[in-house]
């Protein structure tokens, strides 16, 4: 971590120049229409840049660029070792330019600068480096067909890949898709969220500097119903991979069916249950971790532990402890290195999040902490960490993904009821249980219908483990070697021996 003060970061912010045009075929270009949209900072409401508002014609240009690059083999025909060297150079450039990227991320979507530096930049660079190191260590297969035949099973790149990513972790979510896609030899068109386009454009520039050939990595900025939809419907896109809401994820499935039946990968919403059993020996520690599981990144996390299911014997103690943590974790200036909670991404989202306070009261829940807007004088988008207590699992705040720093506490009588409530959701991304009993831990892990189950921890993370969910939380997995399944096709070549 560097030694910059808040004043230092503000001075650097005032001098920062942003890339604001689409990146197609190795060059920054205006949208064909000439239209732009404002990138407004949730930190203080300032307009950071006028960003190219791409539409179908721009998507056509980007896809054509990616297709040319794929077909002539300028990237896919390189050996895995050669692609590895370039991607490692790309990872190093991300680290070298980490302060600029972190500052851009903070200004664009509001997260604390300390998190942007220590988490987002680090994880983005590490992701590219990990997949770079992995690609020349994956072997193809020979099927056990017998002596008269040889059946080879080989992986080939999918082709032109569209990656549509959200605004809560703009660089990390892009890296989770770009790194395995590029390592596999694909060409990519990235569509960042309109709320957070700026780091994607800088990453594309650094990619070319690292040696990724022009046309292999393109970025179209713009809105979901225009640029995003055009990618989903495009007949020359071989796969579209999306992270965001379940509602939009379903649209991409429809787009695939309406077009060329392109491969679809979805990492969608969550309403993750975090179960604290009364027999657990460190209730205070579990409560403090539960607070971090919902308040980190302003609650703008698909895996956020937003439903805290607690046995009644420890319910009051847990709520008191989380409320105490909330009191010390109030929103602050995101450019102050000591700030733990920054701004929500924009005004529209802030109003939506605050609307759940009224919904909670109307349904009969109580407000144990927070529930108000904060730092109004800043001109930014800040909400207090909020705890809804005595929530029933059929209330809106327990059913809908809020995507803000709002925790629903659901008291239950016993472990059996806790498991039943935990699974009573249309989502299945993450879940957790706190118990000292290894038998209970394994039984809960098997019972919980979620792609990731944490025991006595929350949101534990490593690039080597898959990330994704059950039910309406999505299809397919990001991270780990399993991510290659999305960006490659399996080909069988059968040879009859004489």
Protein backbone atom coordinates (compact mmCIF):
# COMPACT_ATOMS: atom_id res chain seq x y z
CA UNK A 1 0.00 0.00 0.00
CA UNK A 2 1.34 3.43 -0.86
CA UNK A 3 1.58 6.33 1.58
CA UNK A 4 -0.74 8.77 -0.22
CA UNK A 5 -3.08 10.85 1.91
CA UNK A 6 -6.63 11.84 1.02
CA UNK A 7 -5.28 15.21 -0.17
CA UNK A 8 -2.81 13.41 -2.44
CA UNK A 9 -5.54 11.29 -3.98
CA UNK A 10 -7.81 14.29 -4.52
CA UNK A 11 -4.99 16.15 -6.25
CA UNK A 12 -4.32 13.16 -8.50
CA UNK A 13 -8.02 12.85 -9.22
CA UNK A 14 -8.18 16.46 -10.39
CA UNK A 15 -5.32 15.83 -12.84
CA UNK A 16 -6.46 12.43 -14.12
CA UNK A 17 -7.20 12.06 -17.83
CA UNK A 18 -9.71 9.39 -18.87
CA UNK A 19 -10.01 7.32 -22.03
CA UNK A 20 -13.59 7.87 -23.11
CA UNK A 21 -13.97 6.44 -26.63
CA UNK A 22 -14.66 2.89 -27.72
CA UNK A 23 -11.63 0.69 -28.41
CA UNK A 24 -11.99 -1.18 -31.72
CA UNK A 25 -9.30 -2.81 -33.84
CA UNK A 26 -6.54 -1.44 -31.64
CA UNK A 27 -7.69 2.21 -31.74
CA UNK A 28 -9.88 4.56 -29.76
CA UNK A 29 -12.84 5.59 -31.89
CA UNK A 30 -16.01 7.62 -31.49
CA UNK A 31 -19.39 5.94 -31.70
CA UNK A 32 -20.67 5.92 -35.28
CA UNK A 33 -23.59 8.07 -34.17
CA UNK A 34 -21.33 10.52 -32.36
CA UNK A 35 -23.53 10.09 -29.28
CA UNK A 36 -22.07 10.13 -25.78
CA UNK A 37 -23.25 9.73 -22.21
CA UNK A 38 -21.98 11.21 -18.96
CA UNK A 39 -19.79 9.20 -16.62
CA UNK A 40 -20.79 10.76 -13.30
CA UNK A 41 -18.82 10.03 -10.15
CA UNK A 42 -20.87 8.85 -7.16
CA UNK A 43 -18.10 10.22 -4.94
CA UNK A 44 -19.23 13.83 -5.35
CA UNK A 45 -21.49 14.02 -8.39
CA UNK A 46 -18.89 15.43 -10.77
CA UNK A 47 -18.96 14.49 -14.45
CA UNK A 48 -15.76 12.57 -15.16
CA UNK A 49 -16.07 12.20 -18.93
CA UNK A 50 -18.39 12.04 -21.91
CA UNK A 51 -18.21 8.38 -22.97
CA UNK A 52 -18.99 6.98 -26.42
CA UNK A 53 -22.55 5.62 -26.53
CA UNK A 54 -22.11 2.63 -28.80
CA UNK A 55 -24.99 0.97 -30.63
CA UNK A 56 -25.50 -1.83 -33.15
CA UNK A 57 -23.19 -0.33 -35.81
CA UNK A 58 -20.35 -0.03 -33.31
CA UNK A 59 -20.93 -3.60 -32.14
CA UNK A 60 -20.81 -4.72 -35.78
CA UNK A 61 -17.42 -3.00 -36.19
CA UNK A 62 -16.05 -4.53 -32.99
CA UNK A 63 -17.27 -8.03 -33.83
CA UNK A 64 -15.88 -7.77 -37.37
CA UNK A 65 -12.54 -6.71 -35.93
CA UNK A 66 -12.55 -9.63 -33.51
CA UNK A 67 -13.55 -12.06 -36.27
CA UNK A 68 -10.74 -10.93 -38.59
CA UNK A 69 -8.24 -11.32 -35.79
CA UNK A 70 -9.52 -14.78 -34.98
CA UNK A 71 -9.66 -16.06 -38.54
CA UNK A 72 -6.18 -14.90 -39.55
CA UNK A 73 -4.73 -16.55 -36.46
CA UNK A 74 -2.74 -13.56 -35.21
CA UNK A 75 -3.51 -14.64 -31.63
CA UNK A 76 -5.13 -18.10 -31.61
CA UNK A 77 -2.31 -19.59 -33.72
CA UNK A 78 0.36 -18.57 -31.27
CA UNK A 79 1.63 -21.32 -29.04
CA UNK A 80 0.31 -21.47 -25.49
CA UNK A 81 3.77 -20.47 -24.28
CA UNK A 82 3.71 -17.38 -26.49
CA UNK A 83 0.26 -16.33 -25.27
CA UNK A 84 1.48 -16.95 -21.74
CA UNK A 85 4.37 -14.49 -22.14
CA UNK A 86 2.09 -11.74 -23.43
CA UNK A 87 -0.53 -12.22 -20.72
CA UNK A 88 2.15 -12.17 -18.03
CA UNK A 89 3.38 -8.87 -19.47
CA UNK A 90 -0.20 -7.61 -19.40
CA UNK A 91 -0.51 -8.57 -15.72
CA UNK A 92 2.68 -6.71 -14.94
CA UNK A 93 1.46 -3.58 -16.74
CA UNK A 94 -1.71 -3.69 -14.64
CA UNK A 95 0.44 -3.73 -11.51
CA UNK A 96 2.69 -0.94 -12.81
CA UNK A 97 -0.33 1.25 -13.58
CA UNK A 98 -2.22 0.12 -10.48
CA UNK A 99 -2.56 3.51 -8.82
CA UNK A 100 -4.11 5.06 -11.92
CA UNK A 101 -6.46 2.10 -12.37
CA UNK A 102 -7.48 2.11 -8.71
CA UNK A 103 -8.16 5.83 -8.72
CA UNK A 104 -10.22 5.51 -11.89
CA UNK A 105 -12.22 2.67 -10.35
CA UNK A 106 -12.90 4.63 -7.18
CA UNK A 107 -13.99 7.76 -9.01
CA UNK A 108 -16.15 5.82 -11.45
CA UNK A 109 -18.06 3.55 -9.06
CA UNK A 110 -17.41 4.83 -5.55
CA UNK A 111 -15.49 2.10 -3.71
CA UNK A 112 -12.79 3.07 -1.15
CA UNK A 113 -9.39 3.71 -2.71
CA UNK A 114 -7.75 1.31 -0.25
CA UNK A 115 -9.96 -1.52 -1.51
CA UNK A 116 -9.45 -0.57 -5.15
CA UNK A 117 -5.69 -0.80 -4.66
CA UNK A 118 -5.34 -3.81 -2.38
CA UNK A 119 -8.18 -5.91 -3.77
CA UNK A 120 -9.28 -4.88 -7.27
CA UNK A 121 -5.93 -4.11 -8.89
CA UNK A 122 -4.18 -7.01 -7.18
CA UNK A 123 -6.89 -9.54 -8.06
CA UNK A 124 -7.12 -8.34 -11.66
CA UNK A 125 -3.39 -8.69 -12.27
CA UNK A 126 -3.24 -12.02 -10.45
CA UNK A 127 -6.13 -13.38 -12.53
CA UNK A 128 -4.36 -12.66 -15.83
CA UNK A 129 -1.13 -14.10 -14.47
CA UNK A 130 -2.83 -17.26 -13.19
CA UNK A 131 -4.52 -18.07 -16.50
CA UNK A 132 -1.32 -17.21 -18.35
CA UNK A 133 0.51 -19.79 -16.25
CA UNK A 134 -2.29 -22.34 -16.66
CA UNK A 135 -2.66 -22.34 -20.42
CA UNK A 136 0.53 -24.24 -21.26
CA UNK A 137 -0.15 -26.87 -18.62
CA UNK A 138 -3.48 -28.16 -19.94
CA UNK A 139 -3.26 -31.38 -21.93
CA UNK A 140 -5.62 -32.87 -24.49
CA UNK A 141 -6.83 -36.47 -24.27
CA UNK A 142 -6.72 -39.79 -26.08
CA UNK A 143 -9.85 -41.89 -25.62
CA UNK A 144 -9.50 -45.61 -24.68
CA UNK A 145 -10.91 -46.92 -27.96
CA UNK A 146 -8.73 -49.97 -28.56
CA UNK A 147 -5.77 -50.76 -30.81
CA UNK A 148 -7.53 -50.26 -34.16
CA UNK A 149 -8.41 -46.60 -33.58
CA UNK A 150 -7.08 -43.37 -32.16
CA UNK A 151 -9.69 -40.89 -30.89
CA UNK A 152 -8.16 -37.56 -29.96
CA UNK A 153 -10.11 -35.10 -27.80
CA UNK A 154 -8.77 -31.57 -28.23
CA UNK A 155 -9.78 -28.17 -26.95
CA UNK A 156 -10.15 -25.35 -29.45
CA UNK A 157 -10.98 -21.68 -28.82
CA UNK A 158 -14.63 -20.81 -29.16
CA UNK A 159 -14.02 -17.90 -31.56
CA UNK A 160 -15.46 -14.42 -30.98
CA UNK A 161 -16.42 -14.02 -27.33
CA UNK A 162 -18.63 -11.25 -25.92
CA UNK A 163 -18.11 -10.42 -22.25
CA UNK A 164 -20.73 -8.24 -20.56
CA UNK A 165 -19.69 -7.25 -17.05
CA UNK A 166 -21.19 -5.36 -14.08
CA UNK A 167 -20.24 -2.20 -12.27
CA UNK A 168 -19.52 -3.49 -8.75
CA UNK A 169 -16.08 -4.96 -9.56
CA UNK A 170 -15.45 -3.63 -13.07
CA UNK A 171 -11.85 -4.81 -13.46
CA UNK A 172 -12.09 -8.09 -11.56
CA UNK A 173 -15.27 -9.23 -13.31
CA UNK A 174 -13.73 -8.35 -16.67
CA UNK A 175 -10.56 -10.27 -15.80
CA UNK A 176 -12.50 -13.38 -14.76
CA UNK A 177 -13.84 -13.56 -18.31
CA UNK A 178 -11.07 -12.00 -20.38
CA UNK A 179 -8.19 -13.98 -18.88
CA UNK A 180 -9.40 -17.52 -19.69
CA UNK A 181 -10.94 -16.36 -22.99
CA UNK A 182 -7.70 -14.75 -24.18
CA UNK A 183 -5.51 -17.51 -22.78
CA UNK A 184 -7.54 -20.00 -24.84
CA UNK A 185 -6.90 -18.04 -28.05
CA UNK A 186 -10.26 -16.30 -28.49
CA UNK A 187 -10.90 -12.77 -29.67
CA UNK A 188 -13.02 -10.69 -27.30
CA UNK A 189 -15.52 -7.84 -27.33
CA UNK A 190 -15.98 -6.43 -23.82
CA UNK A 191 -19.08 -4.42 -22.91
CA UNK A 192 -18.57 -2.78 -19.51
CA UNK A 193 -21.50 -1.48 -17.49
CA UNK A 194 -22.41 2.06 -18.47
CA UNK A 195 -21.92 3.10 -14.83
CA UNK A 196 -18.25 2.03 -14.86
CA UNK A 197 -16.68 2.08 -18.32
CA UNK A 198 -13.41 3.86 -17.70
CA UNK A 199 -11.05 1.15 -16.41
CA UNK A 200 -12.10 -1.21 -19.23
CA UNK A 201 -10.88 1.30 -21.80
CA UNK A 202 -7.55 1.71 -20.05
CA UNK A 203 -7.13 -2.07 -19.77
CA UNK A 204 -7.65 -2.42 -23.53
CA UNK A 205 -4.90 0.11 -24.17
CA UNK A 206 -2.53 -1.72 -21.81
CA UNK A 207 -3.36 -5.04 -23.49
CA UNK A 208 -2.07 -3.78 -26.83
CA UNK A 209 0.99 -2.34 -25.11
CA UNK A 210 1.65 -5.79 -23.60
CA UNK A 211 1.59 -7.39 -27.04
CA UNK A 212 -1.98 -8.61 -27.54
CA UNK A 213 -2.52 -8.01 -31.27
CA UNK A 214 -4.84 -5.28 -32.46
CA UNK A 215 -8.39 -6.52 -32.94
CA UNK A 216 -8.13 -9.31 -30.38
CA UNK A 217 -9.44 -7.21 -27.47
CA UNK A 218 -12.16 -4.66 -28.23
CA UNK A 219 -14.30 -2.54 -25.91
CA UNK A 220 -17.72 -1.15 -26.76
CA UNK A 221 -19.14 1.28 -24.22
CA UNK A 222 -22.83 2.01 -23.97
CA UNK A 223 -26.11 0.81 -22.57
CA UNK A 224 -27.50 -2.66 -22.07
CA UNK A 225 -30.62 -2.30 -24.24
CA UNK A 226 -28.47 -1.07 -27.15
CA UNK A 227 -24.86 -2.29 -27.13
CA UNK A 228 -25.51 -5.24 -24.81
CA UNK A 229 -28.53 -6.45 -26.73
CA UNK A 230 -26.69 -6.08 -30.05
CA UNK A 231 -23.94 -8.38 -28.77
CA UNK A 232 -26.47 -10.90 -27.49
CA UNK A 233 -28.26 -11.02 -30.84
CA UNK A 234 -25.18 -10.86 -33.06
CA UNK A 235 -24.96 -13.74 -35.52
CA UNK A 236 -21.16 -13.69 -35.56
CA UNK A 237 -20.62 -13.86 -31.79
CA UNK A 238 -19.88 -17.44 -30.74
CA UNK A 239 -20.48 -16.99 -27.02
CA UNK A 240 -21.77 -14.34 -24.66
CA UNK A 241 -20.74 -14.40 -21.01
CA UNK A 242 -22.56 -12.14 -18.60
CA UNK A 243 -22.36 -11.14 -14.96
CA UNK A 244 -25.23 -9.10 -13.54
CA UNK A 245 -28.87 -9.38 -12.56
CA UNK A 246 -30.93 -12.50 -13.13
CA UNK A 247 -33.46 -10.42 -15.05
CA UNK A 248 -30.88 -9.38 -17.65
CA UNK A 249 -29.27 -12.83 -17.65
CA UNK A 250 -32.58 -14.27 -18.84
CA UNK A 251 -32.58 -11.77 -21.69
CA UNK A 252 -29.20 -13.05 -22.90
CA UNK A 253 -30.59 -16.57 -22.97
CA UNK A 254 -33.44 -15.28 -25.13
CA UNK A 255 -31.03 -13.41 -27.40
CA UNK A 256 -29.03 -16.61 -27.95
CA UNK A 257 -32.18 -18.49 -28.91
CA UNK A 258 -33.32 -15.71 -31.24
CA UNK A 259 -29.97 -15.60 -33.04
CA UNK A 260 -27.35 -18.29 -33.63
CA UNK A 261 -27.75 -20.38 -30.45
CA UNK A 262 -24.47 -18.98 -29.19
CA UNK A 263 -22.98 -20.43 -26.03
CA UNK A 264 -24.18 -18.55 -22.92
CA UNK A 265 -22.57 -18.29 -19.49
CA UNK A 266 -24.36 -16.42 -16.71
CA UNK A 267 -23.30 -15.34 -13.24
CA UNK A 268 -26.40 -13.69 -11.87
CA UNK A 269 -27.95 -12.56 -8.62
CA UNK A 270 -27.91 -13.87 -5.10
CA UNK A 271 -29.72 -13.64 -1.80
CA UNK A 272 -27.18 -15.64 0.11
CA UNK A 273 -28.05 -17.19 3.49
CA UNK A 274 -25.56 -16.91 6.34
CA UNK A 275 -26.58 -19.28 9.14
CA UNK A 276 -25.33 -18.80 12.70
CA UNK A 277 -26.20 -21.71 14.98
CA UNK A 278 -26.55 -21.05 18.69
CA UNK A 279 -24.06 -23.75 19.64
CA UNK A 280 -21.17 -22.07 17.82
CA UNK A 281 -18.43 -21.12 20.29
CA UNK A 282 -17.49 -17.67 18.92
CA UNK A 283 -20.79 -15.88 18.35
CA UNK A 284 -19.21 -12.41 18.41
CA UNK A 285 -16.65 -13.43 15.79
CA UNK A 286 -19.39 -14.87 13.58
CA UNK A 287 -21.44 -11.68 13.95
CA UNK A 288 -18.48 -9.46 13.04
CA UNK A 289 -17.78 -11.55 9.94
CA UNK A 290 -21.47 -11.43 9.05
CA UNK A 291 -21.29 -7.63 9.18
CA UNK A 292 -18.35 -7.63 6.79
CA UNK A 293 -20.18 -10.07 4.52
CA UNK A 294 -22.90 -7.49 3.85
CA UNK A 295 -21.16 -4.14 4.34
CA UNK A 296 -18.01 -4.81 2.28
CA UNK A 297 -18.04 -3.02 -1.08
CA UNK A 298 -21.13 -1.11 0.13
CA UNK A 299 -23.11 -4.33 -0.07
CA UNK A 300 -22.77 -4.26 -3.86
CA UNK A 301 -21.85 -7.94 -4.00
CA UNK A 302 -23.69 -10.80 -5.68
CA UNK A 303 -22.38 -13.05 -2.90
CA UNK A 304 -23.28 -10.64 -0.09
CA UNK A 305 -24.53 -12.48 2.99
CA UNK A 306 -27.74 -10.49 2.88
CA UNK A 307 -29.94 -12.99 4.78
CA UNK A 308 -28.60 -13.68 8.26
CA UNK A 309 -30.44 -16.69 9.68
CA UNK A 310 -29.87 -16.91 13.43
CA UNK A 311 -31.10 -19.28 16.11
CA UNK A 312 -33.24 -17.40 18.64
CA UNK A 313 -30.96 -18.32 21.54
CA UNK A 314 -28.26 -15.95 20.20
CA UNK A 315 -30.40 -13.67 18.02
CA UNK A 316 -30.34 -10.59 20.26
CA UNK A 317 -26.59 -10.85 20.90
CA UNK A 318 -25.82 -11.17 17.18
CA UNK A 319 -27.95 -8.16 16.23
CA UNK A 320 -26.35 -6.01 18.92
CA UNK A 321 -22.87 -6.93 17.75
CA UNK A 322 -23.61 -6.23 14.08
CA UNK A 323 -25.24 -2.90 14.95
CA UNK A 324 -22.08 -1.98 16.87
CA UNK A 325 -19.95 -2.82 13.83
CA UNK A 326 -22.26 -0.76 11.61
CA UNK A 327 -21.77 2.24 13.88
CA UNK A 328 -18.01 2.14 13.26
CA UNK A 329 -18.29 1.49 9.53
CA UNK A 330 -20.07 4.60 8.32
CA UNK A 331 -19.59 5.91 4.77
CA UNK A 332 -16.64 8.23 4.28
CA UNK A 333 -14.64 9.96 1.57
CA UNK A 334 -13.64 7.15 -0.84
CA UNK A 335 -10.34 8.92 -1.53
CA UNK A 336 -9.37 8.77 2.14
CA UNK A 337 -7.22 5.64 2.66
CA UNK A 338 -8.87 5.02 6.05
CA UNK A 339 -12.40 4.85 4.63
CA UNK A 340 -14.02 1.41 4.85
CA UNK A 341 -17.33 2.17 3.12
CA UNK A 342 -17.66 4.35 0.05
CA UNK A 343 -20.48 5.46 -2.22
CA UNK A 344 -23.13 3.47 -4.05
CA UNK A 345 -22.67 3.47 -7.80
CA UNK A 346 -25.16 6.17 -8.83
CA UNK A 347 -28.24 8.14 -7.82
CA UNK A 348 -30.73 5.76 -9.42
CA UNK A 349 -29.34 2.79 -7.53
CA UNK A 350 -29.15 4.78 -4.29
CA UNK A 351 -32.85 5.63 -4.44
CA UNK A 352 -33.72 2.02 -5.19
CA UNK A 353 -31.70 0.77 -2.21
CA UNK A 354 -33.25 3.30 0.16
CA UNK A 355 -36.70 2.23 -1.04
CA UNK A 356 -36.21 -1.06 0.79
CA UNK A 357 -36.25 0.77 4.12
CA UNK A 358 -39.90 1.68 3.60
CA UNK A 359 -40.61 -1.83 2.30
CA UNK A 360 -39.12 -3.37 5.44
CA UNK A 361 -41.22 -1.18 7.73
CA UNK A 362 -44.39 -1.84 5.73
CA UNK A 363 -43.85 -5.59 6.01
CA UNK A 364 -43.30 -5.43 9.78
CA UNK A 365 -39.53 -5.59 10.16
CA UNK A 366 -37.70 -3.27 12.54
CA UNK A 367 -34.67 -1.08 11.82
CA UNK A 368 -31.90 -2.05 14.21
CA UNK A 369 -29.28 0.20 12.59
CA UNK A 370 -28.95 2.74 9.79
CA UNK A 371 -31.65 3.20 7.19
CA UNK A 372 -30.72 6.72 6.18
CA UNK A 373 -28.81 8.53 3.49
CA UNK A 374 -25.35 9.76 4.55
CA UNK A 375 -22.88 12.50 3.56
CA UNK A 376 -25.60 14.44 1.72
CA UNK A 377 -23.42 17.55 1.69
CA UNK A 378 -20.84 15.78 -0.51
CA UNK A 379 -23.14 15.57 -3.51
CA UNK A 380 -22.40 11.85 -3.68
CA UNK A 381 -24.37 8.63 -3.21
CA UNK A 382 -23.96 7.36 0.34
CA UNK A 383 -26.17 5.08 2.45
CA UNK A 384 -25.67 4.04 6.06
CA UNK A 385 -25.03 0.36 6.81
CA UNK A 386 -28.49 -0.90 7.68
CA UNK A 387 -29.82 -3.84 9.70
CA UNK A 388 -33.40 -5.05 9.35
CA UNK A 389 -34.38 -7.19 12.34
CA UNK A 390 -37.20 -9.67 12.91
CA UNK A 391 -37.51 -10.31 9.20
CA UNK A 392 -39.72 -13.10 7.88
CA UNK A 393 -38.44 -14.95 4.85
CA UNK A 394 -41.44 -13.93 2.76
CA UNK A 395 -40.75 -10.19 3.11
CA UNK A 396 -39.40 -8.24 0.14
CA UNK A 397 -36.13 -7.53 1.92
CA UNK A 398 -35.61 -11.28 2.29
CA UNK A 399 -36.64 -12.19 -1.27
CA UNK A 400 -35.20 -9.48 -3.52
CA UNK A 401 -31.55 -8.70 -4.16
CA UNK A 402 -31.04 -5.22 -2.73
CA UNK A 403 -27.38 -4.89 -3.74
CA UNK A 404 -26.65 -2.40 -1.01
CA UNK A 405 -25.43 -2.36 2.61
CA UNK A 406 -28.67 -3.80 4.01
CA UNK A 407 -28.87 -6.94 6.12
CA UNK A 408 -32.05 -8.92 6.83
CA UNK A 409 -31.89 -10.84 10.13
CA UNK A 410 -34.24 -13.84 10.22
CA UNK A 411 -34.63 -15.57 13.62
CA UNK A 412 -35.34 -19.33 13.61
CA UNK A 413 -35.99 -21.96 16.27
CA UNK A 414 -33.43 -24.61 15.32
CA UNK A 415 -30.94 -25.88 12.74
CA UNK A 416 -33.60 -27.76 10.78
CA UNK A 417 -35.65 -24.60 10.30
CA UNK A 418 -32.48 -22.66 9.45
CA UNK A 419 -31.65 -25.03 6.58
CA UNK A 420 -35.21 -24.88 5.28
CA UNK A 421 -35.25 -21.08 5.30
CA UNK A 422 -31.78 -20.92 3.74
CA UNK A 423 -32.93 -22.91 0.71
CA UNK A 424 -36.24 -21.04 0.37
CA UNK A 425 -35.05 -18.68 -2.37
CA UNK A 426 -34.87 -18.62 -6.15
CA UNK A 427 -31.13 -17.97 -5.89
CA UNK A 428 -28.26 -20.34 -5.13
CA UNK A 429 -24.97 -18.50 -5.37
CA UNK A 430 -23.38 -18.65 -1.91
CA UNK A 431 -24.27 -19.79 1.60
CA UNK A 432 -22.56 -20.17 4.96
CA UNK A 433 -22.98 -21.96 8.26
CA UNK A 434 -21.28 -21.39 11.61
CA UNK A 435 -20.88 -24.53 13.70
CA UNK A 436 -18.26 -26.31 15.82
CA UNK A 437 -19.62 -29.73 14.91
CA UNK A 438 -17.98 -31.33 11.86
CA UNK A 439 -20.99 -33.57 11.29
CA UNK A 440 -23.32 -30.55 11.19
CA UNK A 441 -20.92 -28.73 8.91
CA UNK A 442 -20.92 -31.52 6.33
CA UNK A 443 -24.67 -32.07 6.55
CA UNK A 444 -25.35 -28.35 6.03
CA UNK A 445 -22.91 -28.17 3.15
CA UNK A 446 -24.74 -31.01 1.41
CA UNK A 447 -28.17 -29.58 2.20
CA UNK A 448 -27.57 -26.00 1.09
CA UNK A 449 -28.41 -25.51 -2.59
CA UNK A 450 -25.60 -23.13 -3.50
CA UNK A 451 -22.52 -23.14 -5.67
CA UNK A 452 -20.29 -22.05 -2.80
CA UNK A 453 -20.76 -23.00 0.85
CA UNK A 454 -18.57 -21.43 3.54
CA UNK A 455 -18.12 -23.04 6.95
CA UNK A 456 -17.06 -20.77 9.82
CA UNK A 457 -16.06 -18.04 7.36
CA UNK A 458 -17.61 -15.98 4.60
CA UNK A 459 -16.57 -15.14 1.04
CA UNK A 460 -13.26 -17.00 1.30
CA UNK A 461 -11.66 -16.66 -2.10
CA UNK A 462 -8.94 -17.97 -4.37
CA UNK A 463 -8.59 -17.91 -8.16
CA UNK A 464 -8.12 -21.70 -8.12
CA UNK A 465 -11.70 -22.46 -7.02
CA UNK A 466 -14.79 -22.13 -9.23
CA UNK A 467 -17.28 -19.30 -8.75
CA UNK A 468 -20.93 -19.65 -9.72
CA UNK A 469 -24.31 -20.78 -8.50
CA UNK A 470 -27.36 -22.98 -8.64
CA UNK A 471 -30.91 -22.13 -9.67
CA UNK A 472 -31.44 -18.56 -10.89
CA UNK A 473 -27.94 -17.52 -9.84
CA UNK A 474 -26.61 -18.62 -13.20
CA UNK A 475 -25.08 -21.15 -15.55
CA UNK A 476 -21.40 -22.11 -15.67
CA UNK A 477 -18.43 -21.15 -13.55
CA UNK A 478 -15.91 -18.32 -13.47
CA UNK A 479 -12.42 -18.80 -12.03
CA UNK A 480 -10.38 -22.00 -11.74
CA UNK A 481 -9.54 -24.36 -14.58
CA UNK A 482 -13.27 -24.99 -14.99
CA UNK A 483 -13.62 -21.55 -16.63
CA UNK A 484 -11.86 -22.92 -19.72
CA UNK A 485 -14.96 -25.05 -20.36
CA UNK A 486 -16.86 -21.89 -21.31
CA UNK A 487 -14.33 -20.48 -23.74
CA UNK A 488 -13.36 -23.66 -25.59
CA UNK A 489 -15.01 -26.31 -27.72
CA UNK A 490 -14.19 -30.01 -27.45
CA UNK A 491 -13.38 -31.67 -30.75
CA UNK A 492 -13.08 -35.42 -31.31
CA UNK A 493 -10.80 -36.53 -34.16
CA UNK A 494 -11.21 -40.25 -34.88
CA UNK A 495 -8.43 -42.01 -36.81
CA UNK A 496 -8.88 -45.54 -38.09
CA UNK A 497 -5.57 -47.38 -38.17
CA UNK A 498 -4.71 -49.87 -40.96
